[in-house]
Structures are given as C-alpha cells and as structure tokens.
N, C-alpha and C. Protein backbone atom coordinates (compact mmCIF):
# COMPACT_ATOMS: atom_id res chain seq x y z
N MET A 1 109.10 340.38 2.67
CA MET A 1 107.83 340.01 3.24
C MET A 1 107.95 338.71 4.04
N ALA A 2 108.91 337.88 3.77
CA ALA A 2 109.06 336.63 4.51
C ALA A 2 109.37 336.92 5.97
N ASP A 3 108.95 336.02 6.84
CA ASP A 3 109.14 336.19 8.28
C ASP A 3 110.64 336.20 8.59
N PRO A 4 111.14 337.24 9.26
CA PRO A 4 112.57 337.30 9.56
C PRO A 4 113.04 336.21 10.50
N ALA A 5 112.12 335.55 11.20
CA ALA A 5 112.51 334.48 12.12
C ALA A 5 112.67 333.14 11.41
N ALA A 6 112.46 333.12 10.09
CA ALA A 6 112.58 331.85 9.35
C ALA A 6 114.00 331.32 9.50
N HIS A 7 114.09 330.01 9.67
CA HIS A 7 115.40 329.37 9.82
C HIS A 7 115.32 327.96 9.29
N ASP A 8 116.36 327.18 9.49
CA ASP A 8 116.48 325.86 8.87
C ASP A 8 115.33 324.91 9.19
N ASP A 9 114.71 325.03 10.34
CA ASP A 9 113.64 324.09 10.67
C ASP A 9 112.27 324.66 10.30
N ALA A 10 112.20 325.38 9.20
CA ALA A 10 110.94 325.95 8.74
C ALA A 10 110.76 325.67 7.26
N VAL A 11 109.54 325.34 6.90
CA VAL A 11 109.20 325.27 5.49
C VAL A 11 108.67 326.65 5.10
N VAL A 12 109.14 327.17 3.97
CA VAL A 12 108.68 328.45 3.46
C VAL A 12 108.21 328.21 2.02
N LEU A 13 106.94 328.50 1.77
CA LEU A 13 106.36 328.32 0.45
C LEU A 13 105.76 329.64 -0.01
N GLU A 14 105.95 329.96 -1.27
CA GLU A 14 105.41 331.20 -1.83
C GLU A 14 104.60 330.87 -3.07
N ARG A 15 103.44 331.50 -3.19
CA ARG A 15 102.58 331.31 -4.35
C ARG A 15 102.00 332.66 -4.76
N GLU A 16 101.78 332.83 -6.07
CA GLU A 16 100.99 333.95 -6.57
C GLU A 16 99.65 333.38 -6.98
N LEU A 17 98.59 333.92 -6.42
CA LEU A 17 97.24 333.39 -6.63
C LEU A 17 96.41 334.38 -7.42
N ASP A 18 95.60 333.86 -8.31
CA ASP A 18 94.78 334.69 -9.18
C ASP A 18 93.44 335.01 -8.50
N ALA A 19 93.54 335.74 -7.39
CA ALA A 19 92.35 336.12 -6.63
C ALA A 19 92.72 337.32 -5.75
N PRO A 20 91.73 338.16 -5.42
CA PRO A 20 92.03 339.30 -4.55
C PRO A 20 92.40 338.85 -3.13
N VAL A 21 93.17 339.67 -2.46
CA VAL A 21 93.70 339.34 -1.14
C VAL A 21 92.57 339.06 -0.14
N GLU A 22 91.45 339.77 -0.24
CA GLU A 22 90.34 339.56 0.70
C GLU A 22 89.77 338.14 0.57
N LEU A 23 89.71 337.62 -0.64
CA LEU A 23 89.20 336.27 -0.85
C LEU A 23 90.19 335.23 -0.32
N VAL A 24 91.47 335.44 -0.57
CA VAL A 24 92.48 334.51 -0.07
C VAL A 24 92.46 334.51 1.46
N TRP A 25 92.33 335.68 2.06
CA TRP A 25 92.23 335.79 3.52
C TRP A 25 91.06 334.95 4.04
N ARG A 26 89.89 335.10 3.39
CA ARG A 26 88.71 334.36 3.82
C ARG A 26 88.94 332.85 3.76
N MET A 27 89.70 332.38 2.78
CA MET A 27 89.97 330.95 2.65
C MET A 27 90.75 330.42 3.86
N TRP A 28 91.47 331.30 4.56
CA TRP A 28 92.23 330.92 5.76
C TRP A 28 91.41 331.01 7.04
N ILE A 29 90.40 331.87 7.08
CA ILE A 29 89.71 332.10 8.36
C ILE A 29 88.28 331.57 8.42
N ASP A 30 87.67 331.25 7.28
CA ASP A 30 86.33 330.69 7.28
C ASP A 30 86.43 329.17 7.42
N PRO A 31 85.80 328.58 8.42
CA PRO A 31 85.96 327.14 8.67
C PRO A 31 85.61 326.26 7.46
N ASP A 32 84.52 326.57 6.76
CA ASP A 32 84.13 325.75 5.61
C ASP A 32 85.12 325.90 4.47
N ASP A 33 85.54 327.13 4.19
CA ASP A 33 86.51 327.35 3.12
C ASP A 33 87.84 326.68 3.46
N PHE A 34 88.29 326.82 4.69
CA PHE A 34 89.57 326.22 5.12
C PHE A 34 89.51 324.70 4.97
N ALA A 35 88.44 324.08 5.44
CA ALA A 35 88.31 322.62 5.37
C ALA A 35 88.29 322.11 3.93
N ALA A 36 87.84 322.95 3.00
CA ALA A 36 87.72 322.54 1.60
C ALA A 36 89.07 322.39 0.90
N TRP A 37 90.12 323.06 1.38
CA TRP A 37 91.40 322.99 0.67
C TRP A 37 92.55 322.48 1.53
N TYR A 38 92.45 322.53 2.83
CA TYR A 38 93.56 322.21 3.73
C TYR A 38 93.88 320.72 3.71
N GLY A 39 95.14 320.42 3.83
CA GLY A 39 95.58 319.03 3.94
C GLY A 39 96.15 318.49 2.66
N PRO A 40 96.79 317.32 2.76
CA PRO A 40 97.36 316.69 1.56
C PRO A 40 96.27 316.10 0.68
N ASP A 41 96.64 315.71 -0.53
CA ASP A 41 95.68 315.11 -1.47
C ASP A 41 94.94 313.96 -0.80
N GLY A 42 93.62 313.94 -0.97
CA GLY A 42 92.81 312.85 -0.45
C GLY A 42 92.40 312.98 1.00
N ALA A 43 92.84 314.03 1.68
CA ALA A 43 92.50 314.21 3.10
C ALA A 43 91.06 314.69 3.24
N THR A 44 90.42 314.26 4.32
CA THR A 44 89.12 314.78 4.72
C THR A 44 89.37 315.62 5.96
N VAL A 45 88.91 316.86 5.92
CA VAL A 45 89.22 317.81 7.00
C VAL A 45 87.94 318.30 7.64
N GLN A 46 87.95 318.36 8.97
CA GLN A 46 86.84 318.92 9.73
C GLN A 46 87.41 320.00 10.65
N VAL A 47 86.89 321.20 10.53
CA VAL A 47 87.28 322.29 11.43
C VAL A 47 86.32 322.24 12.61
N GLU A 48 86.85 321.89 13.77
CA GLU A 48 86.02 321.79 14.97
C GLU A 48 85.86 323.13 15.67
N GLU A 49 86.87 323.98 15.53
CA GLU A 49 86.80 325.32 16.14
C GLU A 49 87.76 326.23 15.40
N MET A 50 87.29 327.46 15.09
CA MET A 50 88.15 328.46 14.48
C MET A 50 87.70 329.82 14.99
N ASP A 51 88.24 330.20 16.14
CA ASP A 51 87.92 331.46 16.80
C ASP A 51 89.00 332.46 16.38
N VAL A 52 88.68 333.22 15.32
CA VAL A 52 89.68 334.09 14.70
C VAL A 52 89.76 335.43 15.43
N ARG A 53 90.49 335.38 16.53
CA ARG A 53 90.85 336.58 17.30
C ARG A 53 92.12 336.21 18.05
N VAL A 54 92.91 337.20 18.42
CA VAL A 54 94.14 336.91 19.17
C VAL A 54 93.75 336.19 20.45
N GLY A 55 94.36 335.03 20.67
CA GLY A 55 94.03 334.19 21.80
C GLY A 55 92.96 333.16 21.50
N GLY A 56 92.33 333.27 20.32
CA GLY A 56 91.26 332.34 19.94
C GLY A 56 91.83 330.99 19.51
N THR A 57 91.06 329.95 19.74
CA THR A 57 91.48 328.57 19.48
C THR A 57 91.20 328.14 18.05
N ARG A 58 92.11 327.34 17.52
CA ARG A 58 91.95 326.62 16.24
C ARG A 58 91.99 325.15 16.58
N ARG A 59 91.04 324.39 16.08
CA ARG A 59 91.04 322.94 16.30
C ARG A 59 90.58 322.29 14.99
N VAL A 60 91.47 321.47 14.41
CA VAL A 60 91.21 320.85 13.11
C VAL A 60 91.48 319.36 13.22
N ARG A 61 90.62 318.56 12.63
CA ARG A 61 90.80 317.10 12.58
C ARG A 61 90.91 316.71 11.11
N MET A 62 91.86 315.82 10.82
CA MET A 62 92.10 315.39 9.45
C MET A 62 92.18 313.86 9.40
N GLU A 63 91.61 313.29 8.34
CA GLU A 63 91.74 311.86 8.11
C GLU A 63 92.40 311.67 6.75
N VAL A 64 93.45 310.85 6.72
CA VAL A 64 94.17 310.55 5.48
C VAL A 64 94.31 309.04 5.35
N ALA A 65 94.39 308.60 4.10
CA ALA A 65 94.59 307.17 3.85
C ALA A 65 96.04 306.82 4.15
N GLY A 66 96.24 305.74 4.89
CA GLY A 66 97.58 305.25 5.20
C GLY A 66 97.73 303.83 4.71
N PRO A 67 98.95 303.30 4.73
CA PRO A 67 99.17 301.94 4.25
C PRO A 67 98.40 300.88 5.04
N GLU A 68 98.09 301.20 6.28
CA GLU A 68 97.35 300.25 7.13
C GLU A 68 95.92 300.70 7.38
N GLY A 69 95.40 301.54 6.50
CA GLY A 69 94.04 302.05 6.65
C GLY A 69 94.04 303.53 7.00
N PRO A 70 92.86 304.09 7.23
CA PRO A 70 92.76 305.52 7.51
C PRO A 70 93.49 305.91 8.81
N MET A 71 94.15 307.05 8.75
CA MET A 71 94.82 307.62 9.92
C MET A 71 94.14 308.94 10.25
N GLN A 72 93.92 309.18 11.53
CA GLN A 72 93.35 310.45 11.96
C GLN A 72 94.42 311.27 12.66
N MET A 73 94.42 312.55 12.35
CA MET A 73 95.35 313.49 12.99
C MET A 73 94.55 314.69 13.45
N GLY A 74 94.91 315.22 14.58
CA GLY A 74 94.29 316.43 15.08
C GLY A 74 95.35 317.50 15.27
N PHE A 75 94.95 318.73 15.05
CA PHE A 75 95.83 319.87 15.24
C PHE A 75 95.10 320.90 16.07
N VAL A 76 95.77 321.44 17.06
CA VAL A 76 95.18 322.47 17.90
C VAL A 76 96.19 323.61 18.04
N GLY A 77 95.67 324.81 18.12
CA GLY A 77 96.55 325.96 18.27
C GLY A 77 95.78 327.19 18.70
N GLU A 78 96.51 328.28 18.71
CA GLU A 78 95.94 329.55 19.15
C GLU A 78 96.38 330.64 18.18
N HIS A 79 95.45 331.53 17.86
CA HIS A 79 95.80 332.68 17.02
C HIS A 79 96.67 333.64 17.84
N VAL A 80 97.82 333.97 17.29
CA VAL A 80 98.80 334.79 17.98
C VAL A 80 98.80 336.22 17.45
N GLU A 81 98.61 336.36 16.14
CA GLU A 81 98.63 337.69 15.52
C GLU A 81 97.65 337.69 14.35
N ILE A 82 96.85 338.75 14.26
CA ILE A 82 95.90 338.90 13.17
C ILE A 82 95.97 340.34 12.68
N ASP A 83 96.36 340.49 11.42
CA ASP A 83 96.40 341.81 10.78
C ASP A 83 95.65 341.65 9.45
N GLU A 84 94.32 341.70 9.54
CA GLU A 84 93.46 341.43 8.37
C GLU A 84 93.63 342.49 7.31
N PRO A 85 93.77 342.14 6.05
CA PRO A 85 93.91 340.81 5.47
C PRO A 85 95.36 340.51 5.06
N ARG A 86 96.31 340.91 5.87
CA ARG A 86 97.72 340.78 5.46
C ARG A 86 98.51 339.70 6.18
N ARG A 87 98.21 339.44 7.45
CA ARG A 87 99.08 338.55 8.22
C ARG A 87 98.27 337.79 9.27
N LEU A 88 98.50 336.48 9.29
CA LEU A 88 97.85 335.59 10.24
C LEU A 88 98.94 334.71 10.83
N VAL A 89 99.03 334.68 12.15
CA VAL A 89 100.03 333.86 12.83
C VAL A 89 99.30 333.02 13.87
N TYR A 90 99.59 331.71 13.85
CA TYR A 90 98.99 330.84 14.87
C TYR A 90 99.95 329.75 15.27
N SER A 91 99.79 329.28 16.50
CA SER A 91 100.57 328.14 16.99
C SER A 91 99.84 326.88 16.56
N GLU A 92 100.59 325.78 16.52
CA GLU A 92 99.97 324.51 16.15
C GLU A 92 100.70 323.36 16.82
N SER A 93 99.93 322.42 17.34
CA SER A 93 100.46 321.20 17.94
C SER A 93 99.56 320.05 17.53
N MET A 94 100.10 318.84 17.60
CA MET A 94 99.29 317.65 17.35
C MET A 94 98.37 317.46 18.56
N ALA A 95 97.15 317.00 18.29
CA ALA A 95 96.19 316.75 19.36
C ALA A 95 95.64 315.33 19.20
N GLY A 96 95.61 314.61 20.30
CA GLY A 96 95.06 313.25 20.30
C GLY A 96 93.55 313.27 20.32
N PRO A 97 92.92 312.12 20.06
CA PRO A 97 91.46 312.05 20.06
C PRO A 97 90.85 312.45 21.40
N ASP A 98 91.63 312.30 22.48
CA ASP A 98 91.14 312.66 23.81
C ASP A 98 91.39 314.13 24.14
N GLY A 99 91.94 314.88 23.17
CA GLY A 99 92.21 316.30 23.38
C GLY A 99 93.60 316.58 23.92
N SER A 100 94.39 315.53 24.21
CA SER A 100 95.74 315.75 24.71
C SER A 100 96.60 316.39 23.62
N VAL A 101 97.48 317.28 24.02
CA VAL A 101 98.35 318.00 23.08
C VAL A 101 99.77 317.51 23.27
N SER A 102 100.43 317.23 22.14
CA SER A 102 101.80 316.75 22.23
C SER A 102 102.75 317.64 21.44
N PRO A 103 103.98 317.75 21.93
CA PRO A 103 104.98 318.52 21.19
C PRO A 103 105.30 317.81 19.88
N PRO A 104 105.87 318.44 18.90
CA PRO A 104 106.39 319.81 19.01
C PRO A 104 105.28 320.85 18.84
N HIS A 105 105.53 321.99 19.41
CA HIS A 105 104.64 323.13 19.23
C HIS A 105 105.26 323.98 18.13
N THR A 106 104.51 324.20 17.06
CA THR A 106 105.04 324.91 15.90
C THR A 106 104.31 326.23 15.72
N ARG A 107 104.76 327.00 14.75
CA ARG A 107 104.14 328.31 14.48
C ARG A 107 103.97 328.48 12.98
N VAL A 108 102.77 328.85 12.58
CA VAL A 108 102.45 329.08 11.17
C VAL A 108 102.28 330.58 10.96
N VAL A 109 102.96 331.10 9.94
CA VAL A 109 102.85 332.52 9.57
C VAL A 109 102.36 332.58 8.13
N VAL A 110 101.22 333.25 7.93
CA VAL A 110 100.65 333.43 6.60
C VAL A 110 100.72 334.92 6.29
N GLU A 111 101.42 335.26 5.21
CA GLU A 111 101.55 336.66 4.80
C GLU A 111 100.95 336.82 3.41
N LEU A 112 100.07 337.82 3.26
CA LEU A 112 99.41 338.07 2.00
C LEU A 112 99.74 339.48 1.52
N GLU A 113 100.07 339.58 0.24
CA GLU A 113 100.37 340.89 -0.36
C GLU A 113 99.44 341.10 -1.54
N ASP A 114 98.76 342.25 -1.56
CA ASP A 114 97.85 342.61 -2.64
C ASP A 114 98.67 343.00 -3.87
N LEU A 115 98.43 342.29 -4.96
CA LEU A 115 99.12 342.58 -6.22
C LEU A 115 98.14 343.14 -7.24
N GLY A 116 97.15 343.92 -6.79
CA GLY A 116 96.19 344.51 -7.71
C GLY A 116 95.26 343.48 -8.32
N GLY A 117 94.50 342.78 -7.51
CA GLY A 117 93.58 341.76 -7.97
C GLY A 117 94.15 340.35 -7.88
N ARG A 118 95.44 340.25 -7.71
CA ARG A 118 96.12 338.97 -7.46
C ARG A 118 96.73 339.05 -6.06
N THR A 119 97.18 337.91 -5.54
CA THR A 119 97.72 337.89 -4.18
C THR A 119 99.00 337.07 -4.15
N ARG A 120 100.03 337.62 -3.51
CA ARG A 120 101.23 336.84 -3.20
C ARG A 120 101.04 336.30 -1.79
N LEU A 121 101.16 334.98 -1.65
CA LEU A 121 101.03 334.32 -0.36
C LEU A 121 102.40 333.74 0.00
N VAL A 122 102.86 334.04 1.21
CA VAL A 122 104.07 333.42 1.74
C VAL A 122 103.67 332.71 3.02
N LEU A 123 103.87 331.40 3.04
CA LEU A 123 103.57 330.58 4.20
C LEU A 123 104.89 330.12 4.80
N THR A 124 105.06 330.37 6.09
CA THR A 124 106.23 329.89 6.83
C THR A 124 105.72 329.07 8.00
N HIS A 125 106.12 327.79 8.04
CA HIS A 125 105.72 326.94 9.17
C HIS A 125 106.99 326.59 9.93
N HIS A 126 107.20 327.30 11.04
CA HIS A 126 108.37 327.08 11.90
C HIS A 126 108.18 325.78 12.66
N GLY A 127 109.24 324.97 12.67
CA GLY A 127 109.18 323.68 13.35
C GLY A 127 108.87 322.53 12.41
N VAL A 128 108.68 322.84 11.14
CA VAL A 128 108.45 321.82 10.12
C VAL A 128 109.55 321.95 9.08
N PRO A 129 110.50 321.01 9.04
CA PRO A 129 111.61 321.10 8.09
C PRO A 129 111.13 321.08 6.64
N ALA A 130 111.88 321.77 5.79
CA ALA A 130 111.52 321.89 4.38
C ALA A 130 111.49 320.56 3.65
N ASP A 131 112.19 319.56 4.15
CA ASP A 131 112.23 318.25 3.48
C ASP A 131 111.36 317.21 4.19
N SER A 132 110.36 317.65 4.93
CA SER A 132 109.54 316.74 5.74
C SER A 132 108.21 316.43 5.05
N PRO A 133 107.52 315.36 5.52
CA PRO A 133 106.17 315.09 5.02
C PRO A 133 105.22 316.27 5.25
N GLY A 134 105.41 317.00 6.34
CA GLY A 134 104.57 318.17 6.60
C GLY A 134 104.74 319.23 5.52
N ALA A 135 105.96 319.42 5.04
CA ALA A 135 106.21 320.38 3.97
C ALA A 135 105.53 319.93 2.68
N THR A 136 105.58 318.64 2.41
CA THR A 136 104.91 318.09 1.23
C THR A 136 103.40 318.30 1.34
N GLY A 137 102.86 318.07 2.53
CA GLY A 137 101.43 318.30 2.76
C GLY A 137 101.03 319.74 2.52
N TRP A 138 101.86 320.68 2.99
CA TRP A 138 101.58 322.09 2.76
C TRP A 138 101.60 322.42 1.28
N ALA A 139 102.56 321.88 0.54
CA ALA A 139 102.64 322.15 -0.90
C ALA A 139 101.36 321.66 -1.58
N MET A 140 100.89 320.47 -1.22
CA MET A 140 99.65 319.94 -1.79
C MET A 140 98.47 320.83 -1.41
N ALA A 141 98.42 321.25 -0.16
CA ALA A 141 97.32 322.09 0.31
C ALA A 141 97.28 323.42 -0.44
N LEU A 142 98.43 324.04 -0.64
CA LEU A 142 98.44 325.33 -1.35
C LEU A 142 98.04 325.17 -2.81
N GLU A 143 98.36 324.02 -3.41
CA GLU A 143 97.88 323.74 -4.77
C GLU A 143 96.35 323.65 -4.77
N ALA A 144 95.80 322.97 -3.77
CA ALA A 144 94.35 322.83 -3.65
C ALA A 144 93.69 324.20 -3.40
N LEU A 145 94.34 325.04 -2.59
CA LEU A 145 93.84 326.39 -2.36
C LEU A 145 93.75 327.14 -3.67
N GLY A 146 94.83 327.13 -4.44
CA GLY A 146 94.84 327.82 -5.73
C GLY A 146 93.75 327.31 -6.67
N ALA A 147 93.52 326.00 -6.65
CA ALA A 147 92.51 325.39 -7.54
C ALA A 147 91.09 325.79 -7.13
N ARG A 148 90.86 326.12 -5.86
CA ARG A 148 89.52 326.48 -5.38
C ARG A 148 89.18 327.93 -5.65
N LEU A 149 90.18 328.74 -6.00
CA LEU A 149 89.94 330.16 -6.24
C LEU A 149 89.43 330.39 -7.67
N PRO A 150 88.53 331.33 -7.87
CA PRO A 150 88.07 331.61 -9.24
C PRO A 150 89.21 332.21 -10.04
N GLY A 151 89.19 331.98 -11.31
CA GLY A 151 90.22 332.60 -12.15
C GLY A 151 90.80 331.65 -13.02
C-alpha cells in the first residue's frame, strides 16, 4: 500500500486508527477537522482554503512557539489525486505572508485502508527527510489525529 515512489528523501509513517475509514478521510478534507489536529504540539492552525478536487488549492497557516517568540508558517499546494476515501495526494510548498511560494515543492500521499471499522493510514511526504523536523511534526500531528478520533 505504500507509495512506490517513496525514497530516501521521504518520511513514511504508518498508523492503525480506531475509527472507520470514512471518518479518517473526513479528518483530512474538512477544514475544521484538519485544523484541529494538524501540526506539531502546541501549534495553532488556520485553514484558509481547502478546495478538495483535483486542481483545487490547499492553503494552511500555522503558528508555533519558537525560542524567539511565535513563528508563523504558511503552506500552499494543490490536490493532485483524490480517490475517496482511499487516497489523497497533494503538493505542498512554504508560503510567505505575502502569498509568495518558495521551494522546495513537496508531495504528500495519504493512503487509507479499511480494516473493518478500523483504518490503516500510511502517510508519505516526499521531499521531507525521515530525520527532519518536518518528520517529527508529522509524527506529532498523527498522534493528535488519533487522539481526536472516537474509540
């Protein structure tokens, strides 16, 4: 089920979640649900745009505490593939407060497998090394996702 394009510059995380696949899918595509769990511990997330269709825009703003005070980060991307409720693929880049987009341009692949009332989630973020702060942020976010699900 893992993305065959996965390689050394990708973080791959797998979780089994105690919730049906349709609910886990909604947590990825509903702006309010996504904002409630996305990001590292302590982050405040605002989904500015989530047009869930191929070619649709994703725009997310995050604020995290840093050693020198709050840091703001923006992420912008486009939905590339949608196979509800099994597979979601989108591009992602950093976005400045003025809307400017900077490299690197990465790709997020979310794969969901129905386990009869439970869900196996495999997240592959191409362009984010497994030993990076981004990988740590994803691990925290997936823990928060699991904690928000009933069960």
